């Protein structure tokens, strides 16, 4: 169950951050409302995840997965380009997530 909560938290964080870009610095009402709702729902489900996993691990997974998804959405939806150092850094984030999941005893397996 904690991974379902975490997945929901990451999904809504991604929605909120994507809406932040679409809000044009909070000058558009509905994307701005979506930012607030997205983050509120994300934090709620992240808090539920904290019942099962330590805060450092939850936050590392939440932020790392969010960074990857936002980078992909930025590329696909907003036309933002990624150079080789950015792609390398994203690869290192993915590697860190994999290491945590495969080798850490602090996650809920």
PDB file of N, CA and C in Angstrom:
ATOM      1  N   UNK A   1       0.796  -1.204   0.000  1.00  0.00           N
ATOM      2  CA  UNK A   1       0.000   0.000   0.000  1.00  0.00           C
ATOM      3  C   UNK A   1       0.846   1.279   0.000  1.00  0.00           C
ATOM      4  N   UNK A   2       2.009   1.304   0.663  1.00  0.00           N
ATOM      5  CA  UNK A   2       2.774   2.561   0.665  1.00  0.00           C
ATOM      6  C   UNK A   2       3.221   2.989  -0.726  1.00  0.00           C
ATOM      7  N   UNK A   3       3.487   2.018  -1.591  1.00  0.00           N
ATOM      8  CA  UNK A   3       3.914   2.392  -2.933  1.00  0.00           C
ATOM      9  C   UNK A   3       2.760   2.954  -3.752  1.00  0.00           C
ATOM     10  N   UNK A   4       1.549   2.521  -3.485  1.00  0.00           N
ATOM     11  CA  UNK A   4       0.386   3.107  -4.158  1.00  0.00           C
ATOM     12  C   UNK A   4       0.215   4.546  -3.689  1.00  0.00           C
ATOM     13  N   UNK A   5       0.315   4.778  -2.383  1.00  0.00           N
ATOM     14  CA  UNK A   5       0.242   6.145  -1.857  1.00  0.00           C
ATOM     15  C   UNK A   5       1.333   7.017  -2.466  1.00  0.00           C
ATOM     16  N   UNK A   6       2.533   6.479  -2.537  1.00  0.00           N
ATOM     17  CA  UNK A   6       3.647   7.246  -3.084  1.00  0.00           C
ATOM     18  C   UNK A   6       3.440   7.544  -4.567  1.00  0.00           C
ATOM     19  N   UNK A   7       2.940   6.576  -5.318  1.00  0.00           N
ATOM     20  CA  UNK A   7       2.677   6.797  -6.741  1.00  0.00           C
ATOM     21  C   UNK A   7       1.635   7.896  -6.942  1.00  0.00           C
ATOM     22  N   UNK A   8       0.598   7.883  -6.116  1.00  0.00           N
ATOM     23  CA  UNK A   8      -0.425   8.936  -6.199  1.00  0.00           C
ATOM     24  C   UNK A   8       0.192  10.282  -5.846  1.00  0.00           C
ATOM     25  N   UNK A   9       1.024  10.314  -4.808  1.00  0.00           N
ATOM     26  CA  UNK A   9       1.688  11.558  -4.411  1.00  0.00           C
ATOM     27  C   UNK A   9       2.563  12.106  -5.537  1.00  0.00           C
ATOM     28  N   UNK A  10       3.320  11.240  -6.183  1.00  0.00           N
ATOM     29  CA  UNK A  10       4.188  11.662  -7.288  1.00  0.00           C
ATOM     30  C   UNK A  10       3.341  12.149  -8.459  1.00  0.00           C
ATOM     31  N   UNK A  11       2.257  11.444  -8.767  1.00  0.00           N
ATOM     32  CA  UNK A  11       1.396  11.843  -9.883  1.00  0.00           C
ATOM     33  C   UNK A  11       0.824  13.243  -9.664  1.00  0.00           C
ATOM     34  N   UNK A  12       0.333  13.516  -8.461  1.00  0.00           N
ATOM     35  CA  UNK A  12      -0.252  14.828  -8.195  1.00  0.00           C
ATOM     36  C   UNK A  12       0.804  15.917  -8.074  1.00  0.00           C
ATOM     37  N   UNK A  13       1.995  15.576  -7.615  1.00  0.00           N
ATOM     38  CA  UNK A  13       3.086  16.557  -7.609  1.00  0.00           C
ATOM     39  C   UNK A  13       3.445  16.922  -9.035  1.00  0.00           C
ATOM     40  N   UNK A  14       3.447  15.931  -9.912  1.00  0.00           N
ATOM     41  CA  UNK A  14       3.751  16.170 -11.316  1.00  0.00           C
ATOM     42  C   UNK A  14       2.667  17.036 -11.965  1.00  0.00           C
ATOM     43  N   UNK A  15       1.420  16.760 -11.643  1.00  0.00           N
ATOM     44  CA  UNK A  15       0.319  17.585 -12.155  1.00  0.00           C
ATOM     45  C   UNK A  15       0.464  19.022 -11.651  1.00  0.00           C
ATOM     46  N   UNK A  16       0.736  19.177 -10.357  1.00  0.00           N
ATOM     47  CA  UNK A  16       0.882  20.511  -9.784  1.00  0.00           C
ATOM     48  C   UNK A  16       2.030  21.293 -10.404  1.00  0.00           C
ATOM     49  N   UNK A  17       3.156  20.641 -10.599  1.00  0.00           N
ATOM     50  CA  UNK A  17       4.308  21.330 -11.178  1.00  0.00           C
ATOM     51  C   UNK A  17       4.073  21.650 -12.648  1.00  0.00           C
ATOM     52  N   UNK A  18       3.439  20.761 -13.380  1.00  0.00           N
ATOM     53  CA  UNK A  18       3.103  21.041 -14.777  1.00  0.00           C
ATOM     54  C   UNK A  18       2.129  22.214 -14.865  1.00  0.00           C
ATOM     55  N   UNK A  19       1.168  22.255 -13.959  1.00  0.00           N
ATOM     56  CA  UNK A  19       0.207  23.358 -13.932  1.00  0.00           C
ATOM     57  C   UNK A  19       0.903  24.670 -13.565  1.00  0.00           C
ATOM     58  N   UNK A  20       1.967  24.588 -12.747  1.00  0.00           N
ATOM     59  CA  UNK A  20       2.703  25.796 -12.401  1.00  0.00           C
ATOM     60  C   UNK A  20       3.301  26.428 -13.653  1.00  0.00           C
ATOM     61  N   UNK A  21       3.841  25.600 -14.529  1.00  0.00           N
ATOM     62  CA  UNK A  21       4.370  26.104 -15.794  1.00  0.00           C
ATOM     63  C   UNK A  21       3.240  26.704 -16.630  1.00  0.00           C
ATOM     64  N   UNK A  22       2.119  26.022 -16.669  1.00  0.00           N
ATOM     65  CA  UNK A  22       0.973  26.499 -17.461  1.00  0.00           C
ATOM     66  C   UNK A  22       0.318  27.739 -16.861  1.00  0.00           C
ATOM     67  N   UNK A  23       0.506  27.973 -15.570  1.00  0.00           N
ATOM     68  CA  UNK A  23      -0.125  29.131 -14.916  1.00  0.00           C
ATOM     69  C   UNK A  23       0.525  30.453 -15.314  1.00  0.00           C
ATOM     70  N   UNK A  24       1.665  30.379 -15.968  1.00  0.00           N
ATOM     71  CA  UNK A  24       2.423  31.563 -16.381  1.00  0.00           C
ATOM     72  C   UNK A  24       2.660  32.489 -15.189  1.00  0.00           C
ATOM     73  N   UNK A  25       3.366  31.947 -14.205  1.00  0.00           N
ATOM     74  CA  UNK A  25       3.721  32.657 -12.972  1.00  0.00           C
ATOM     75  C   UNK A  25       2.469  33.112 -12.214  1.00  0.00           C
ATOM     76  N   UNK A  26       1.492  32.225 -12.142  1.00  0.00           N
ATOM     77  CA  UNK A  26       0.248  32.428 -11.398  1.00  0.00           C
ATOM     78  C   UNK A  26      -0.588  33.589 -11.943  1.00  0.00           C
ATOM     79  N   UNK A  27      -0.507  33.823 -13.234  1.00  0.00           N
ATOM     80  CA  UNK A  27      -1.339  34.860 -13.854  1.00  0.00           C
ATOM     81  C   UNK A  27      -2.589  34.278 -14.491  1.00  0.00           C
ATOM     82  N   UNK A  28      -2.685  32.954 -14.571  1.00  0.00           N
ATOM     83  CA  UNK A  28      -3.877  32.287 -15.114  1.00  0.00           C
ATOM     84  C   UNK A  28      -4.544  31.526 -13.976  1.00  0.00           C
ATOM     85  N   UNK A  29      -5.853  31.766 -13.799  1.00  0.00           N
ATOM     86  CA  UNK A  29      -6.569  31.270 -12.631  1.00  0.00           C
ATOM     87  C   UNK A  29      -6.597  29.756 -12.535  1.00  0.00           C
ATOM     88  N   UNK A  30      -7.118  29.058 -13.536  1.00  0.00           N
ATOM     89  CA  UNK A  30      -7.364  27.620 -13.396  1.00  0.00           C
ATOM     90  C   UNK A  30      -6.093  26.791 -13.287  1.00  0.00           C
ATOM     91  N   UNK A  31      -5.063  27.096 -14.060  1.00  0.00           N
ATOM     92  CA  UNK A  31      -3.815  26.370 -13.791  1.00  0.00           C
ATOM     93  C   UNK A  31      -3.262  26.659 -12.389  1.00  0.00           C
ATOM     94  N   UNK A  32      -3.454  27.883 -11.883  1.00  0.00           N
ATOM     95  CA  UNK A  32      -3.001  28.222 -10.529  1.00  0.00           C
ATOM     96  C   UNK A  32      -3.766  27.431  -9.477  1.00  0.00           C
ATOM     97  N   UNK A  33      -5.077  27.269  -9.686  1.00  0.00           N
ATOM     98  CA  UNK A  33      -5.886  26.449  -8.770  1.00  0.00           C
ATOM     99  C   UNK A  33      -5.402  25.005  -8.811  1.00  0.00           C
ATOM    100  N   UNK A  34      -5.082  24.528 -10.000  1.00  0.00           N
ATOM    101  CA  UNK A  34      -4.593  23.154 -10.145  1.00  0.00           C
ATOM    102  C   UNK A  34      -3.248  22.953  -9.431  1.00  0.00           C
ATOM    103  N   UNK A  35      -2.406  23.977  -9.405  1.00  0.00           N
ATOM    104  CA  UNK A  35      -1.143  23.892  -8.661  1.00  0.00           C
ATOM    105  C   UNK A  35      -1.428  23.617  -7.188  1.00  0.00           C
ATOM    106  N   UNK A  36      -2.313  24.415  -6.603  1.00  0.00           N
ATOM    107  CA  UNK A  36      -2.616  24.281  -5.175  1.00  0.00           C
ATOM    108  C   UNK A  36      -3.248  22.921  -4.882  1.00  0.00           C
ATOM    109  N   UNK A  37      -4.214  22.523  -5.689  1.00  0.00           N
ATOM    110  CA  UNK A  37      -4.871  21.226  -5.485  1.00  0.00           C
ATOM    111  C   UNK A  37      -3.894  20.075  -5.686  1.00  0.00           C
ATOM    112  N   UNK A  38      -3.080  20.153  -6.722  1.00  0.00           N
ATOM    113  CA  UNK A  38      -2.115  19.092  -7.002  1.00  0.00           C
ATOM    114  C   UNK A  38      -1.153  18.884  -5.851  1.00  0.00           C
ATOM    115  N   UNK A  39      -0.618  19.985  -5.327  1.00  0.00           N
ATOM    116  CA  UNK A  39       0.314  19.858  -4.211  1.00  0.00           C
ATOM    117  C   UNK A  39      -0.376  19.431  -2.924  1.00  0.00           C
ATOM    118  N   UNK A  40      -1.586  19.923  -2.680  1.00  0.00           N
ATOM    119  CA  UNK A  40      -2.311  19.514  -1.464  1.00  0.00           C
ATOM    120  C   UNK A  40      -2.566  18.010  -1.463  1.00  0.00           C
ATOM    121  N   UNK A  41      -3.033  17.489  -2.582  1.00  0.00           N
ATOM    122  CA  UNK A  41      -3.295  16.053  -2.677  1.00  0.00           C
ATOM    123  C   UNK A  41      -1.985  15.273  -2.588  1.00  0.00           C
ATOM    124  N   UNK A  42      -0.955  15.781  -3.244  1.00  0.00           N
ATOM    125  CA  UNK A  42       0.346  15.118  -3.202  1.00  0.00           C
ATOM    126  C   UNK A  42       0.873  15.024  -1.780  1.00  0.00           C
ATOM    127  N   UNK A  43       0.811  16.128  -1.034  1.00  0.00           N
ATOM    128  CA  UNK A  43       1.316  16.116   0.341  1.00  0.00           C
ATOM    129  C   UNK A  43       0.492  15.194   1.230  1.00  0.00           C
ATOM    130  N   UNK A  44      -0.811  15.127   0.981  1.00  0.00           N
ATOM    131  CA  UNK A  44      -1.650  14.220   1.771  1.00  0.00           C
ATOM    132  C   UNK A  44      -1.199  12.769   1.574  1.00  0.00           C
ATOM    133  N   UNK A  45      -1.022  12.363   0.320  1.00  0.00           N
ATOM    134  CA  UNK A  45      -0.624  10.977   0.059  1.00  0.00           C
ATOM    135  C   UNK A  45       0.828  10.713   0.457  1.00  0.00           C
ATOM    136  N   UNK A  46       1.671  11.741   0.385  1.00  0.00           N
ATOM    137  CA  UNK A  46       3.028  11.560   0.875  1.00  0.00           C
ATOM    138  C   UNK A  46       3.001  11.343   2.390  1.00  0.00           C
ATOM    139  N   UNK A  47       2.135  12.061   3.083  1.00  0.00           N
ATOM    140  CA  UNK A  47       2.005  11.874   4.530  1.00  0.00           C
ATOM    141  C   UNK A  47       1.529  10.463   4.863  1.00  0.00           C
ATOM    142  N   UNK A  48       0.622   9.920   4.064  1.00  0.00           N
ATOM    143  CA  UNK A  48       0.179   8.540   4.283  1.00  0.00           C
ATOM    144  C   UNK A  48       1.340   7.564   4.093  1.00  0.00           C
ATOM    145  N   UNK A  49       2.190   7.845   3.123  1.00  0.00           N
ATOM    146  CA  UNK A  49       3.346   6.988   2.876  1.00  0.00           C
ATOM    147  C   UNK A  49       4.288   6.982   4.077  1.00  0.00           C
ATOM    148  N   UNK A  50       4.350   8.101   4.795  1.00  0.00           N
ATOM    149  CA  UNK A  50       5.253   8.215   5.943  1.00  0.00           C
ATOM    150  C   UNK A  50       4.875   7.289   7.086  1.00  0.00           C
ATOM    151  N   UNK A  51       3.679   6.714   7.050  1.00  0.00           N
ATOM    152  CA  UNK A  51       3.306   5.715   8.061  1.00  0.00           C
ATOM    153  C   UNK A  51       4.143   4.445   7.921  1.00  0.00           C
ATOM    154  N   UNK A  52       4.679   4.206   6.733  1.00  0.00           N
ATOM    155  CA  UNK A  52       5.337   2.941   6.415  1.00  0.00           C
ATOM    156  C   UNK A  52       6.825   3.066   6.120  1.00  0.00           C
ATOM    157  N   UNK A  53       7.274   4.264   5.762  1.00  0.00           N
ATOM    158  CA  UNK A  53       8.654   4.439   5.323  1.00  0.00           C
ATOM    159  C   UNK A  53       9.240   5.696   5.963  1.00  0.00           C
ATOM    160  N   UNK A  54      10.561   5.755   6.140  1.00  0.00           N
ATOM    161  CA  UNK A  54      11.194   6.934   6.721  1.00  0.00           C
ATOM    162  C   UNK A  54      11.093   8.152   5.793  1.00  0.00           C
ATOM    163  N   UNK A  55      11.050   9.323   6.395  1.00  0.00           N
ATOM    164  CA  UNK A  55      10.853  10.552   5.644  1.00  0.00           C
ATOM    165  C   UNK A  55      11.949  10.783   4.596  1.00  0.00           C
ATOM    166  N   UNK A  56      13.189  10.467   4.918  1.00  0.00           N
ATOM    167  CA  UNK A  56      14.273  10.681   3.960  1.00  0.00           C
ATOM    168  C   UNK A  56      14.115   9.858   2.697  1.00  0.00           C
ATOM    169  N   UNK A  57      13.708   8.616   2.858  1.00  0.00           N
ATOM    170  CA  UNK A  57      13.502   7.732   1.709  1.00  0.00           C
ATOM    171  C   UNK A  57      12.278   8.169   0.915  1.00  0.00           C
ATOM    172  N   UNK A  58      11.196   8.480   1.613  1.00  0.00           N
ATOM    173  CA  UNK A  58       9.973   8.929   0.929  1.00  0.00           C
ATOM    174  C   UNK A  58      10.259  10.178   0.113  1.00  0.00           C
ATOM    175  N   UNK A  59      10.938  11.135   0.735  1.00  0.00           N
ATOM    176  CA  UNK A  59      11.211  12.380   0.039  1.00  0.00           C
ATOM    177  C   UNK A  59      12.161  12.160  -1.138  1.00  0.00           C
ATOM    178  N   UNK A  60      13.149  11.298  -0.969  1.00  0.00           N
ATOM    179  CA  UNK A  60      14.075  11.012  -2.076  1.00  0.00           C
ATOM    180  C   UNK A  60      13.332  10.400  -3.260  1.00  0.00           C
ATOM    181  N   UNK A  61      12.451   9.454  -2.982  1.00  0.00           N
ATOM    182  CA  UNK A  61      11.692   8.822  -4.065  1.00  0.00           C
ATOM    183  C   UNK A  61      10.704   9.803  -4.690  1.00  0.00           C
ATOM    184  N   UNK A  62       9.983  10.557  -3.853  1.00  0.00           N
ATOM    185  CA  UNK A  62       8.983  11.520  -4.321  1.00  0.00           C
ATOM    186  C   UNK A  62       9.632  12.576  -5.212  1.00  0.00           C
ATOM    187  N   UNK A  63      10.710  13.156  -4.718  1.00  0.00           N
ATOM    188  CA  UNK A  63      11.344  14.222  -5.493  1.00  0.00           C
ATOM    189  C   UNK A  63      12.071  13.675  -6.720  1.00  0.00           C
ATOM    190  N   UNK A  64      12.751  12.544  -6.566  1.00  0.00           N
ATOM    191  CA  UNK A  64      13.475  11.975  -7.707  1.00  0.00           C
ATOM    192  C   UNK A  64      12.561  11.573  -8.843  1.00  0.00           C
ATOM    193  N   UNK A  65      11.492  10.865  -8.503  1.00  0.00           N
ATOM    194  CA  UNK A  65      10.540  10.466  -9.550  1.00  0.00           C
ATOM    195  C   UNK A  65       9.850  11.690 -10.152  1.00  0.00           C
ATOM    196  N   UNK A  66       9.551  12.669  -9.299  1.00  0.00           N
ATOM    197  CA  UNK A  66       8.939  13.907  -9.799  1.00  0.00           C
ATOM    198  C   UNK A  66       9.854  14.636 -10.768  1.00  0.00           C
ATOM    199  N   UNK A  67      11.141  14.703 -10.455  1.00  0.00           N
ATOM    200  CA  UNK A  67      12.103  15.365 -11.341  1.00  0.00           C
ATOM    201  C   UNK A  67      12.133  14.685 -12.702  1.00  0.00           C
ATOM    202  N   UNK A  68      12.181  13.367 -12.711  1.00  0.00           N
ATOM    203  CA  UNK A  68      12.224  12.625 -13.974  1.00  0.00           C
ATOM    204  C   UNK A  68      10.957  12.882 -14.785  1.00  0.00           C
ATOM    205  N   UNK A  69       9.808  12.765 -14.136  1.00  0.00           N
ATOM    206  CA  UNK A  69       8.541  12.965 -14.857  1.00  0.00           C
ATOM    207  C   UNK A  69       8.400  14.393 -15.372  1.00  0.00           C
ATOM    208  N   UNK A  70       8.771  15.376 -14.565  1.00  0.00           N
ATOM    209  CA  UNK A  70       8.675  16.769 -14.996  1.00  0.00           C
ATOM    210  C   UNK A  70       9.627  17.045 -16.153  1.00  0.00           C
ATOM    211  N   UNK A  71      10.810  16.465 -16.126  1.00  0.00           N
ATOM    212  CA  UNK A  71      11.743  16.641 -17.242  1.00  0.00           C
ATOM    213  C   UNK A  71      11.146  16.071 -18.531  1.00  0.00           C
ATOM    214  N   UNK A  72      10.505  14.903 -18.427  1.00  0.00           N
ATOM    215  CA  UNK A  72       9.878  14.302 -19.611  1.00  0.00           C
ATOM    216  C   UNK A  72       8.689  15.138 -20.102  1.00  0.00           C
ATOM    217  N   UNK A  73       7.879  15.627 -19.173  1.00  0.00           N
ATOM    218  CA  UNK A  73       6.741  16.469 -19.553  1.00  0.00           C
ATOM    219  C   UNK A  73       7.231  17.795 -20.141  1.00  0.00           C
ATOM    220  N   UNK A  74       8.262  18.372 -19.538  1.00  0.00           N
ATOM    221  CA  UNK A  74       8.837  19.600 -20.077  1.00  0.00           C
ATOM    222  C   UNK A  74       9.297  19.419 -21.513  1.00  0.00           C
ATOM    223  N   UNK A  75       9.896  18.284 -21.786  1.00  0.00           N
ATOM    224  CA  UNK A  75      10.360  17.977 -23.137  1.00  0.00           C
ATOM    225  C   UNK A  75       9.183  17.749 -24.090  1.00  0.00           C
ATOM    226  N   UNK A  76       8.239  16.891 -23.683  1.00  0.00           N
ATOM    227  CA  UNK A  76       7.153  16.484 -24.578  1.00  0.00           C
ATOM    228  C   UNK A  76       6.072  17.549 -24.740  1.00  0.00           C
ATOM    229  N   UNK A  77       5.731  18.235 -23.661  1.00  0.00           N
ATOM    230  CA  UNK A  77       4.596  19.159 -23.705  1.00  0.00           C
ATOM    231  C   UNK A  77       5.033  20.602 -23.923  1.00  0.00           C
ATOM    232  N   UNK A  78       6.082  21.018 -23.232  1.00  0.00           N
ATOM    233  CA  UNK A  78       6.483  22.422 -23.277  1.00  0.00           C
ATOM    234  C   UNK A  78       7.654  22.689 -24.216  1.00  0.00           C
ATOM    235  N   UNK A  79       8.161  21.651 -24.879  1.00  0.00           N
ATOM    236  CA  UNK A  79       9.230  21.824 -25.858  1.00  0.00           C
ATOM    237  C   UNK A  79      10.568  22.210 -25.252  1.00  0.00           C
ATOM    238  N   UNK A  80      10.788  21.875 -23.994  1.00  0.00           N
ATOM    239  CA  UNK A  80      12.050  22.201 -23.335  1.00  0.00           C
ATOM    240  C   UNK A  80      13.085  21.132 -23.681  1.00  0.00           C
ATOM    241  N   UNK A  81      14.262  21.561 -24.054  1.00  0.00           N
ATOM    242  CA  UNK A  81      15.320  20.642 -24.477  1.00  0.00           C
ATOM    243  C   UNK A  81      16.223  20.267 -23.308  1.00  0.00           C
ATOM    244  N   UNK A  82      16.756  19.068 -23.380  1.00  0.00           N
ATOM    245  CA  UNK A  82      17.702  18.577 -22.382  1.00  0.00           C
ATOM    246  C   UNK A  82      19.050  18.338 -23.059  1.00  0.00           C
ATOM    247  N   UNK A  83      20.119  18.897 -22.483  1.00  0.00           N
ATOM    248  CA  UNK A  83      21.448  18.638 -23.025  1.00  0.00           C
ATOM    249  C   UNK A  83      22.051  17.406 -22.343  1.00  0.00           C
ATOM    250  N   UNK A  84      23.245  17.014 -22.783  1.00  0.00           N
ATOM    251  CA  UNK A  84      23.868  15.806 -22.269  1.00  0.00           C
ATOM    252  C   UNK A  84      24.104  15.850 -20.755  1.00  0.00           C
ATOM    253  N   UNK A  85      24.584  16.953 -20.185  1.00  0.00           N
ATOM    254  CA  UNK A  85      24.733  16.970 -18.724  1.00  0.00           C
ATOM    255  C   UNK A  85      23.392  16.798 -17.993  1.00  0.00           C
ATOM    256  N   UNK A  86      22.331  17.376 -18.518  1.00  0.00           N
ATOM    257  CA  UNK A  86      21.013  17.213 -17.885  1.00  0.00           C
ATOM    258  C   UNK A  86      20.561  15.759 -17.962  1.00  0.00           C
ATOM    259  N   UNK A  87      20.733  15.141 -19.103  1.00  0.00           N
ATOM    260  CA  UNK A  87      20.345  13.739 -19.265  1.00  0.00           C
ATOM    261  C   UNK A  87      21.197  12.845 -18.361  1.00  0.00           C
ATOM    262  N   UNK A  88      22.494  13.154 -18.262  1.00  0.00           N
ATOM    263  CA  UNK A  88      23.378  12.387 -17.369  1.00  0.00           C
ATOM    264  C   UNK A  88      22.917  12.524 -15.917  1.00  0.00           C
ATOM    265  N   UNK A  89      22.601  13.729 -15.498  1.00  0.00           N
ATOM    266  CA  UNK A  89      22.125  13.949 -14.136  1.00  0.00           C
ATOM    267  C   UNK A  89      20.827  13.213 -13.858  1.00  0.00           C
ATOM    268  N   UNK A  90      19.908  13.223 -14.819  1.00  0.00           N
ATOM    269  CA  UNK A  90      18.654  12.482 -14.658  1.00  0.00           C
ATOM    270  C   UNK A  90      18.923  10.986 -14.558  1.00  0.00           C
ATOM    271  N   UNK A  91      19.896  10.507 -15.326  1.00  0.00           N
ATOM    272  CA  UNK A  91      20.281   9.097 -15.238  1.00  0.00           C
ATOM    273  C   UNK A  91      20.826   8.743 -13.866  1.00  0.00           C
ATOM    274  N   UNK A  92      21.573   9.668 -13.265  1.00  0.00           N
ATOM    275  CA  UNK A  92      22.094   9.434 -11.913  1.00  0.00           C
ATOM    276  C   UNK A  92      20.967   9.406 -10.886  1.00  0.00           C
ATOM    277  N   UNK A  93      19.953  10.247 -11.077  1.00  0.00           N
ATOM    278  CA  UNK A  93      18.796  10.216 -10.176  1.00  0.00           C
ATOM    279  C   UNK A  93      18.089   8.866 -10.278  1.00  0.00           C
ATOM    280  N   UNK A  94      17.889   8.396 -11.498  1.00  0.00           N
ATOM    281  CA  UNK A  94      17.264   7.084 -11.697  1.00  0.00           C
ATOM    282  C   UNK A  94      18.112   6.000 -11.046  1.00  0.00           C
ATOM    283  N   UNK A  95      19.429   6.093 -11.197  1.00  0.00           N
ATOM    284  CA  UNK A  95      20.321   5.108 -10.574  1.00  0.00           C
ATOM    285  C   UNK A  95      20.170   5.118  -9.059  1.00  0.00           C
ATOM    286  N   UNK A  96      20.059   6.300  -8.474  1.00  0.00           N
ATOM    287  CA  UNK A  96      19.876   6.405  -7.033  1.00  0.00           C
ATOM    288  C   UNK A  96      18.575   5.771  -6.573  1.00  0.00           C
ATOM    289  N   UNK A  97      17.521   5.976  -7.328  1.00  0.00           N
ATOM    290  CA  UNK A  97      16.229   5.368  -6.992  1.00  0.00           C
ATOM    291  C   UNK A  97      16.327   3.845  -7.058  1.00  0.00           C
ATOM    292  N   UNK A  98      16.986   3.346  -8.079  1.00  0.00           N
ATOM    293  CA  UNK A  98      17.150   1.897  -8.231  1.00  0.00           C
ATOM    294  C   UNK A  98      17.960   1.328  -7.067  1.00  0.00           C
ATOM    295  N   UNK A  99      19.045   2.001  -6.688  1.00  0.00           N
ATOM    296  CA  UNK A  99      19.870   1.530  -5.566  1.00  0.00           C
ATOM    297  C   UNK A  99      19.043   1.469  -4.285  1.00  0.00           C
ATOM    298  N   UNK A 100      18.270   2.521  -4.024  1.00  0.00           N
ATOM    299  CA  UNK A 100      17.427   2.532  -2.821  1.00  0.00           C
ATOM    300  C   UNK A 100      16.459   1.351  -2.843  1.00  0.00           C
ATOM    301  N   UNK A 101      15.817   1.143  -3.972  1.00  0.00           N
ATOM    302  CA  UNK A 101      14.808   0.088  -4.055  1.00  0.00           C
ATOM    303  C   UNK A 101      15.400  -1.308  -3.972  1.00  0.00           C
ATOM    304  N   UNK A 102      16.560  -1.495  -4.540  1.00  0.00           N
ATOM    305  CA  UNK A 102      17.130  -2.837  -4.570  1.00  0.00           C
ATOM    306  C   UNK A 102      17.924  -3.199  -3.314  1.00  0.00           C
ATOM    307  N   UNK A 103      18.581  -2.215  -2.699  1.00  0.00           N
ATOM    308  CA  UNK A 103      19.533  -2.554  -1.662  1.00  0.00           C
ATOM    309  C   UNK A 103      19.235  -1.984  -0.283  1.00  0.00           C
ATOM    310  N   UNK A 104      18.307  -1.060  -0.167  1.00  0.00           N
ATOM    311  CA  UNK A 104      18.045  -0.456   1.131  1.00  0.00           C
ATOM    312  C   UNK A 104      17.037  -1.265   1.926  1.00  0.00           C
ATOM    313  N   UNK A 105      17.327  -1.459   3.195  1.00  0.00           N
ATOM    314  CA  UNK A 105      16.384  -2.143   4.085  1.00  0.00           C
ATOM    315  C   UNK A 105      15.373  -1.178   4.683  1.00  0.00           C
ATOM    316  N   UNK A 106      15.455   0.096   4.359  1.00  0.00           N
ATOM    317  CA  UNK A 106      14.535   1.070   4.941  1.00  0.00           C
ATOM    318  C   UNK A 106      13.271   1.259   4.137  1.00  0.00           C
ATOM    319  N   UNK A 107      13.186   0.651   2.963  1.00  0.00           N
ATOM    320  CA  UNK A 107      11.980   0.767   2.163  1.00  0.00           C
ATOM    321  C   UNK A 107      11.056  -0.412   2.450  1.00  0.00           C
ATOM    322  N   UNK A 108       9.788  -0.211   2.176  1.00  0.00           N
ATOM    323  CA  UNK A 108       8.796  -1.279   2.389  1.00  0.00           C
ATOM    324  C   UNK A 108       8.797  -2.187   1.162  1.00  0.00           C
ATOM    325  N   UNK A 109       9.351  -3.379   1.294  1.00  0.00           N
ATOM    326  CA  UNK A 109       9.395  -4.320   0.158  1.00  0.00           C
ATOM    327  C   UNK A 109       8.251  -5.298   0.237  1.00  0.00           C
TER     328      UNK A 109
END
